[in-house]
Amino acid sequence: MAQINPSILSADFARLADEAAAVQGADWLHVDVMDGHFVPNLTLGVPVVESLSKATGTPLDCHLMIEDPDRWAPQYVEAGAGSVTFHAEAAAAPVRLAREIRAKGARAAMALKPATPIEPYEDLLPELDMLLVMTVEPGFGGQAFLDLMLPKIRRTRQLIDKHGLQLWLQVDGGVSASTIERCAEAGADVFVAGSAVYGAEDPAAAVRALRRRVQEATARGCAH
């Protein structure tokens, strides 16, 4: 089942509650948390997530591009996030952290930067609810999609299927009307879209259009 998660990194930060309401029909709202250390950019933190969770009925999918997620991730669950993603490259004890996020009541997810292979983390997959394959270098919105990530998405899907896991496979970075079908064909089922949604005249219509493209790509895949 395809899920479309608009990224508020591309929204108007002065009107976050309105921007959350503008993507009616989205499955999750993707919240990029950057600390200026793990990635060069600096965005928002726990207080904004807390306010946003009160202002919208859409569940929050928090992607932590930060150092020391072992310390900070649980606070985002407490702030109201329904799903918390930490980076494999930043977590000191990923299994323990995933278990702590789940124990607090949120979905636990792990993200991989473009150069980080999935294979070393195969045994850890059962501890997760979602795996995020970054399709750009994390840190800034509006970057061009990296086609060379498609084989990695395919390999990740094969590993998930091999273990019979109910694990969501998310892609984030440069996802748009022109790239989303390739991601779906490669095996992704959760799609983060920033400028493709918030850069559109009607963000809710953009969400519906992206969902249609995924459904068509999936239907084609099933027909083969």
C-alpha atoms as a PDB file:
ATOM      1  CA  MET A   1       0.000   0.000   0.000  1.00  0.00           C
ATOM      2  CA  ALA A   2       1.670   3.214  -1.215  1.00  0.00           C
ATOM      3  CA  GLN A   3       2.108   6.044   1.279  1.00  0.00           C
ATOM      4  CA  ILE A   4       2.842   9.656   0.392  1.00  0.00           C
ATOM      5  CA  ASN A   5       4.613  11.722   3.061  1.00  0.00           C
ATOM      6  CA  PRO A   6       4.963  15.434   2.182  1.00  0.00           C
ATOM      7  CA  SER A   7       8.108  16.976   3.653  1.00  0.00           C
ATOM      8  CA  ILE A   8       7.557  20.197   5.560  1.00  0.00           C
ATOM      9  CA  LEU A   9      11.187  21.116   4.813  1.00  0.00           C
ATOM     10  CA  SER A  10       9.689  22.603   1.615  1.00  0.00           C
ATOM     11  CA  ALA A  11       6.761  24.265   3.400  1.00  0.00           C
ATOM     12  CA  ASP A  12       6.469  27.820   4.704  1.00  0.00           C
ATOM     13  CA  PHE A  13       7.859  27.575   8.252  1.00  0.00           C
ATOM     14  CA  ALA A  14       5.911  30.681   9.321  1.00  0.00           C
ATOM     15  CA  ARG A  15       2.622  28.883   8.546  1.00  0.00           C
ATOM     16  CA  LEU A  16       3.298  25.284   9.538  1.00  0.00           C
ATOM     17  CA  ALA A  17      -0.201  24.508  10.841  1.00  0.00           C
ATOM     18  CA  ASP A  18      -1.765  25.796   7.583  1.00  0.00           C
ATOM     19  CA  GLU A  19       0.827  23.958   5.503  1.00  0.00           C
ATOM     20  CA  ALA A  20       0.037  20.717   7.366  1.00  0.00           C
ATOM     21  CA  ALA A  21      -3.663  21.237   6.596  1.00  0.00           C
ATOM     22  CA  ALA A  22      -2.873  21.932   2.916  1.00  0.00           C
ATOM     23  CA  VAL A  23      -1.818  18.320   2.277  1.00  0.00           C
ATOM     24  CA  GLN A  24      -5.177  16.741   3.025  1.00  0.00           C
ATOM     25  CA  GLY A  25      -5.046  13.029   2.206  1.00  0.00           C
ATOM     26  CA  ALA A  26      -1.319  12.585   2.962  1.00  0.00           C
ATOM     27  CA  ASP A  27      -0.464   9.478   5.006  1.00  0.00           C
ATOM     28  CA  TRP A  28       2.182  11.104   7.178  1.00  0.00           C
ATOM     29  CA  LEU A  29       3.824  14.501   7.489  1.00  0.00           C
ATOM     30  CA  HIS A  30       7.594  14.129   7.094  1.00  0.00           C
ATOM     31  CA  VAL A  31       9.555  16.337   9.499  1.00  0.00           C
ATOM     32  CA  ASP A  32      13.271  16.818   8.784  1.00  0.00           C
ATOM     33  CA  VAL A  33      15.239  17.509  11.958  1.00  0.00           C
ATOM     34  CA  MET A  34      18.783  18.754  11.235  1.00  0.00           C
ATOM     35  CA  ASP A  35      21.327  19.831  13.834  1.00  0.00           C
ATOM     36  CA  GLY A  36      23.992  21.629  11.783  1.00  0.00           C
ATOM     37  CA  HIS A  37      26.507  18.894  12.776  1.00  0.00           C
ATOM     38  CA  PHE A  38      25.496  15.550  11.221  1.00  0.00           C
ATOM     39  CA  VAL A  39      24.389  17.585   8.189  1.00  0.00           C
ATOM     40  CA  PRO A  40      25.378  21.185   7.386  1.00  0.00           C
ATOM     41  CA  ASN A  41      21.833  22.552   7.594  1.00  0.00           C
ATOM     42  CA  LEU A  42      19.884  23.512  10.723  1.00  0.00           C
ATOM     43  CA  THR A  43      16.096  23.152  10.887  1.00  0.00           C
ATOM     44  CA  LEU A  44      13.696  22.560  13.767  1.00  0.00           C
ATOM     45  CA  GLY A  45      13.616  20.555  16.968  1.00  0.00           C
ATOM     46  CA  VAL A  46      11.472  19.067  19.718  1.00  0.00           C
ATOM     47  CA  PRO A  47       9.320  22.163  20.542  1.00  0.00           C
ATOM     48  CA  VAL A  48       8.203  22.616  16.910  1.00  0.00           C
ATOM     49  CA  VAL A  49       7.384  18.901  16.592  1.00  0.00           C
ATOM     50  CA  GLU A  50       5.353  19.152  19.783  1.00  0.00           C
ATOM     51  CA  SER A  51       3.385  22.164  18.475  1.00  0.00           C
ATOM     52  CA  LEU A  52       2.886  20.581  15.071  1.00  0.00           C
ATOM     53  CA  SER A  53       1.595  17.307  16.525  1.00  0.00           C
ATOM     54  CA  LYS A  54      -1.106  19.303  18.331  1.00  0.00           C
ATOM     55  CA  ALA A  55      -1.966  21.307  15.206  1.00  0.00           C
ATOM     56  CA  THR A  56      -2.548  18.413  12.786  1.00  0.00           C
ATOM     57  CA  GLY A  57      -4.337  15.093  12.757  1.00  0.00           C
ATOM     58  CA  THR A  58      -1.825  13.719  10.247  1.00  0.00           C
ATOM     59  CA  PRO A  59       0.773  11.553  12.047  1.00  0.00           C
ATOM     60  CA  LEU A  60       4.334  12.870  12.104  1.00  0.00           C
ATOM     61  CA  ASP A  61       7.225  10.971  10.540  1.00  0.00           C
ATOM     62  CA  CYS A  62      10.356  12.524  12.088  1.00  0.00           C
ATOM     63  CA  HIS A  63      13.637  12.021  10.219  1.00  0.00           C
ATOM     64  CA  LEU A  64      16.517  12.825  12.576  1.00  0.00           C
ATOM     65  CA  MET A  65      19.592  13.967  10.647  1.00  0.00           C
ATOM     66  CA  ILE A  66      21.421  14.596  13.892  1.00  0.00           C
ATOM     67  CA  GLU A  67      24.373  13.447  15.946  1.00  0.00           C
ATOM     68  CA  ASP A  68      23.684  11.353  19.044  1.00  0.00           C
ATOM     69  CA  PRO A  69      20.171  10.133  18.096  1.00  0.00           C
ATOM     70  CA  ASP A  70      20.513   7.573  20.930  1.00  0.00           C
ATOM     71  CA  ARG A  71      20.055  10.475  23.312  1.00  0.00           C
ATOM     72  CA  TRP A  72      17.539  12.603  21.384  1.00  0.00           C
ATOM     73  CA  ALA A  73      15.248  10.226  19.442  1.00  0.00           C
ATOM     74  CA  PRO A  74      13.082   9.185  22.434  1.00  0.00           C
ATOM     75  CA  GLN A  75      12.255  12.862  23.059  1.00  0.00           C
ATOM     76  CA  TYR A  76      10.659  13.097  19.604  1.00  0.00           C
ATOM     77  CA  VAL A  77       8.326  10.221  20.473  1.00  0.00           C
ATOM     78  CA  GLU A  78       7.387  12.086  23.642  1.00  0.00           C
ATOM     79  CA  ALA A  79       6.802  15.223  21.543  1.00  0.00           C
ATOM     80  CA  GLY A  80       4.196  13.364  19.519  1.00  0.00           C
ATOM     81  CA  ALA A  81       6.000  11.728  16.572  1.00  0.00           C
ATOM     82  CA  GLY A  82       4.330   8.528  15.348  1.00  0.00           C
ATOM     83  CA  SER A  83       7.478   7.363  13.577  1.00  0.00           C
ATOM     84  CA  VAL A  84      11.090   8.274  14.352  1.00  0.00           C
ATOM     85  CA  THR A  85      13.957   7.660  11.918  1.00  0.00           C
ATOM     86  CA  PHE A  86      17.581   7.717  13.081  1.00  0.00           C
ATOM     87  CA  HIS A  87      20.638   7.432  10.853  1.00  0.00           C
ATOM     88  CA  ALA A  88      22.670   4.228  10.853  1.00  0.00           C
ATOM     89  CA  GLU A  89      25.808   6.384  10.531  1.00  0.00           C
ATOM     90  CA  ALA A  90      24.992   8.324  13.731  1.00  0.00           C
ATOM     91  CA  ALA A  91      23.509   5.751  16.114  1.00  0.00           C
ATOM     92  CA  ALA A  92      25.857   4.187  18.663  1.00  0.00           C
ATOM     93  CA  ALA A  93      23.482   1.313  19.549  1.00  0.00           C
ATOM     94  CA  PRO A  94      20.869   1.023  16.773  1.00  0.00           C
ATOM     95  CA  VAL A  95      19.130  -2.092  18.120  1.00  0.00           C
ATOM     96  CA  ARG A  96      18.749  -0.655  21.590  1.00  0.00           C
ATOM     97  CA  LEU A  97      17.541   2.656  20.139  1.00  0.00           C
ATOM     98  CA  ALA A  98      14.982   0.988  17.844  1.00  0.00           C
ATOM     99  CA  ARG A  99      13.647  -0.983  20.811  1.00  0.00           C
ATOM    100  CA  GLU A 100      13.408   2.154  22.940  1.00  0.00           C
ATOM    101  CA  ILE A 101      11.485   4.036  20.221  1.00  0.00           C
ATOM    102  CA  ARG A 102       9.065   1.112  19.866  1.00  0.00           C
ATOM    103  CA  ALA A 103       8.692   0.758  23.640  1.00  0.00           C
ATOM    104  CA  LYS A 104       7.635   4.418  23.823  1.00  0.00           C
ATOM    105  CA  GLY A 105       4.901   3.714  21.282  1.00  0.00           C
ATOM    106  CA  ALA A 106       6.267   4.942  17.937  1.00  0.00           C
ATOM    107  CA  ARG A 107       7.420   3.155  14.796  1.00  0.00           C
ATOM    108  CA  ALA A 108      11.204   2.739  14.698  1.00  0.00           C
ATOM    109  CA  ALA A 109      12.996   3.493  11.439  1.00  0.00           C
ATOM    110  CA  MET A 110      16.603   3.638  10.289  1.00  0.00           C
ATOM    111  CA  ALA A 111      18.004   5.739   7.444  1.00  0.00           C
ATOM    112  CA  LEU A 112      21.001   5.071   5.199  1.00  0.00           C
ATOM    113  CA  LYS A 113      22.936   7.800   3.406  1.00  0.00           C
ATOM    114  CA  PRO A 114      23.605   7.149  -0.314  1.00  0.00           C
ATOM    115  CA  ALA A 115      27.094   5.683   0.286  1.00  0.00           C
ATOM    116  CA  THR A 116      26.015   3.404   3.163  1.00  0.00           C
ATOM    117  CA  PRO A 117      25.287  -0.169   2.007  1.00  0.00           C
ATOM    118  CA  ILE A 118      22.280  -2.084   3.310  1.00  0.00           C
ATOM    119  CA  GLU A 119      23.975  -5.493   3.594  1.00  0.00           C
ATOM    120  CA  PRO A 120      25.780  -4.957   6.947  1.00  0.00           C
ATOM    121  CA  TYR A 121      22.397  -4.167   8.535  1.00  0.00           C
ATOM    122  CA  GLU A 122      20.515  -7.233   7.294  1.00  0.00           C
ATOM    123  CA  ASP A 123      20.360  -8.899  10.723  1.00  0.00           C
ATOM    124  CA  LEU A 124      19.008  -5.720  12.289  1.00  0.00           C
ATOM    125  CA  LEU A 125      15.983  -5.408   9.948  1.00  0.00           C
ATOM    126  CA  PRO A 126      13.543  -7.331  12.217  1.00  0.00           C
ATOM    127  CA  GLU A 127      14.074  -4.624  14.883  1.00  0.00           C
ATOM    128  CA  LEU A 128      12.710  -1.942  12.539  1.00  0.00           C
ATOM    129  CA  ASP A 129       9.311  -0.877  11.242  1.00  0.00           C
ATOM    130  CA  MET A 130      10.740   1.084   8.314  1.00  0.00           C
ATOM    131  CA  LEU A 131      14.008   1.511   6.441  1.00  0.00           C
ATOM    132  CA  LEU A 132      14.782   4.786   4.658  1.00  0.00           C
ATOM    133  CA  VAL A 133      17.059   4.748   1.610  1.00  0.00           C
ATOM    134  CA  MET A 134      18.199   8.334   1.002  1.00  0.00           C
ATOM    135  CA  THR A 135      18.070   9.185  -2.706  1.00  0.00           C
ATOM    136  CA  VAL A 136      20.079  12.410  -2.204  1.00  0.00           C
ATOM    137  CA  GLU A 137      22.788  13.398   0.274  1.00  0.00           C
ATOM    138  CA  PRO A 138      20.889  14.434   3.423  1.00  0.00           C
ATOM    139  CA  GLY A 139      20.968  18.066   4.468  1.00  0.00           C
ATOM    140  CA  PHE A 140      19.102  20.189   1.938  1.00  0.00           C
ATOM    141  CA  GLY A 141      15.764  20.079   0.143  1.00  0.00           C
ATOM    142  CA  GLY A 142      15.300  20.463  -3.601  1.00  0.00           C
ATOM    143  CA  GLN A 143      18.216  18.235  -4.694  1.00  0.00           C
ATOM    144  CA  ALA A 144      18.179  16.113  -7.850  1.00  0.00           C
ATOM    145  CA  PHE A 145      17.261  12.442  -7.466  1.00  0.00           C
ATOM    146  CA  LEU A 146      20.215   9.992  -7.554  1.00  0.00           C
ATOM    147  CA  ASP A 147      19.308   7.251 -10.059  1.00  0.00           C
ATOM    148  CA  LEU A 148      22.222   5.146  -8.845  1.00  0.00           C
ATOM    149  CA  MET A 149      20.229   4.465  -5.655  1.00  0.00           C
ATOM    150  CA  LEU A 150      17.647   2.356  -7.542  1.00  0.00           C
ATOM    151  CA  PRO A 151      19.712  -0.886  -7.351  1.00  0.00           C
ATOM    152  CA  LYS A 152      20.119  -0.310  -3.586  1.00  0.00           C
ATOM    153  CA  ILE A 153      16.325   0.074  -3.215  1.00  0.00           C
ATOM    154  CA  ARG A 154      15.913  -3.222  -5.121  1.00  0.00           C
ATOM    155  CA  ARG A 155      18.472  -5.026  -2.937  1.00  0.00           C
ATOM    156  CA  THR A 156      16.802  -3.708   0.210  1.00  0.00           C
ATOM    157  CA  ARG A 157      13.380  -4.906  -0.973  1.00  0.00           C
ATOM    158  CA  GLN A 158      14.877  -8.357  -1.713  1.00  0.00           C
ATOM    159  CA  LEU A 159      16.322  -8.580   1.824  1.00  0.00           C
ATOM    160  CA  ILE A 160      12.986  -7.528   3.372  1.00  0.00           C
ATOM    161  CA  ASP A 161      11.127 -10.143   1.313  1.00  0.00           C
ATOM    162  CA  LYS A 162      13.752 -12.807   2.026  1.00  0.00           C
ATOM    163  CA  HIS A 163      13.067 -12.479   5.749  1.00  0.00           C
ATOM    164  CA  GLY A 164       9.294 -12.164   5.258  1.00  0.00           C
ATOM    165  CA  LEU A 165       9.211  -8.851   7.132  1.00  0.00           C
ATOM    166  CA  GLN A 166       6.353  -6.335   7.235  1.00  0.00           C
ATOM    167  CA  LEU A 167       8.904  -3.562   6.872  1.00  0.00           C
ATOM    168  CA  TRP A 168       8.100  -0.338   5.050  1.00  0.00           C
ATOM    169  CA  LEU A 169      10.724   0.837   2.543  1.00  0.00           C
ATOM    170  CA  GLN A 170      10.904   4.616   2.324  1.00  0.00           C
ATOM    171  CA  VAL A 171      12.700   6.836  -0.191  1.00  0.00           C
ATOM    172  CA  ASP A 172      13.535  10.475   0.432  1.00  0.00           C
ATOM    173  CA  GLY A 173      15.222  12.983  -1.867  1.00  0.00           C
ATOM    174  CA  GLY A 174      14.285  14.281  -5.308  1.00  0.00           C
ATOM    175  CA  VAL A 175      11.052  12.262  -5.324  1.00  0.00           C
ATOM    176  CA  SER A 176       8.699  13.829  -7.871  1.00  0.00           C
ATOM    177  CA  ALA A 177       6.194  12.981 -10.613  1.00  0.00           C
ATOM    178  CA  SER A 178       9.147  12.119 -12.868  1.00  0.00           C
ATOM    179  CA  THR A 179      11.020   9.823 -10.418  1.00  0.00           C
ATOM    180  CA  ILE A 180       8.387   8.253  -8.134  1.00  0.00           C
ATOM    181  CA  GLU A 181       7.420   5.445 -10.540  1.00  0.00           C
ATOM    182  CA  ARG A 182      11.030   4.224 -10.772  1.00  0.00           C
ATOM    183  CA  CYS A 183      11.207   4.134  -6.969  1.00  0.00           C
ATOM    184  CA  ALA A 184       7.963   2.152  -6.786  1.00  0.00           C
ATOM    185  CA  GLU A 185       9.126  -0.297  -9.459  1.00  0.00           C
ATOM    186  CA  ALA A 186      12.350  -0.820  -7.462  1.00  0.00           C
ATOM    187  CA  GLY A 187      10.312  -1.784  -4.385  1.00  0.00           C
ATOM    188  CA  ALA A 188       9.760   1.371  -2.310  1.00  0.00           C
ATOM    189  CA  ASP A 189       6.317   1.828  -0.766  1.00  0.00           C
ATOM    190  CA  VAL A 190       6.671   5.036   1.303  1.00  0.00           C
ATOM    191  CA  PHE A 191       7.578   8.215  -0.590  1.00  0.00           C
ATOM    192  CA  VAL A 192       8.789  11.491   0.910  1.00  0.00           C
ATOM    193  CA  ALA A 193       8.125  14.425  -1.428  1.00  0.00           C
ATOM    194  CA  GLY A 194       9.013  18.015  -0.579  1.00  0.00           C
ATOM    195  CA  SER A 195       9.101  20.543  -3.401  1.00  0.00           C
ATOM    196  CA  ALA A 196       7.008  18.210  -5.613  1.00  0.00           C
ATOM    197  CA  VAL A 197       4.128  18.753  -3.153  1.00  0.00           C
ATOM    198  CA  TYR A 198       4.702  22.145  -1.555  1.00  0.00           C
ATOM    199  CA  GLY A 199       5.971  23.697  -4.803  1.00  0.00           C
ATOM    200  CA  ALA A 200       2.661  22.803  -6.477  1.00  0.00           C
ATOM    201  CA  GLU A 201      -0.262  25.206  -6.734  1.00  0.00           C
ATOM    202  CA  ASP A 202      -2.516  22.653  -5.007  1.00  0.00           C
ATOM    203  CA  PRO A 203      -0.444  20.514  -2.589  1.00  0.00           C
ATOM    204  CA  ALA A 204      -3.338  18.105  -1.851  1.00  0.00           C
ATOM    205  CA  ALA A 205      -3.836  17.490  -5.594  1.00  0.00           C
ATOM    206  CA  ALA A 206      -0.072  16.894  -5.934  1.00  0.00           C
ATOM    207  CA  VAL A 207      -0.300  14.206  -3.205  1.00  0.00           C
ATOM    208  CA  ARG A 208      -3.158  12.505  -5.083  1.00  0.00           C
ATOM    209  CA  ALA A 209      -1.274  12.667  -8.395  1.00  0.00           C
ATOM    210  CA  LEU A 210       1.863  11.101  -6.857  1.00  0.00           C
ATOM    211  CA  ARG A 211      -0.240   8.343  -5.305  1.00  0.00           C
ATOM    212  CA  ARG A 212      -1.834   7.606  -8.708  1.00  0.00           C
ATOM    213  CA  ARG A 213       1.592   7.297 -10.337  1.00  0.00           C
ATOM    214  CA  VAL A 214       2.712   4.797  -7.695  1.00  0.00           C
ATOM    215  CA  GLN A 215      -0.471   2.761  -8.101  1.00  0.00           C
ATOM    216  CA  GLU A 216       0.015   2.660 -11.890  1.00  0.00           C
ATOM    217  CA  ALA A 217       3.670   1.613 -11.522  1.00  0.00           C
ATOM    218  CA  THR A 218       2.717  -1.079  -9.002  1.00  0.00           C
ATOM    219  CA  ALA A 219      -0.077  -2.364 -11.273  1.00  0.00           C
ATOM    220  CA  ARG A 220       2.393  -2.589 -14.172  1.00  0.00           C
ATOM    221  CA  GLY A 221       4.806  -4.521 -11.945  1.00  0.00           C
ATOM    222  CA  CYS A 222       2.088  -6.996 -10.964  1.00  0.00           C
ATOM    223  CA  ALA A 223       1.149  -7.485 -14.609  1.00  0.00           C
ATOM    224  CA  HIS A 224       4.655  -8.670 -15.546  1.00  0.00           C
END
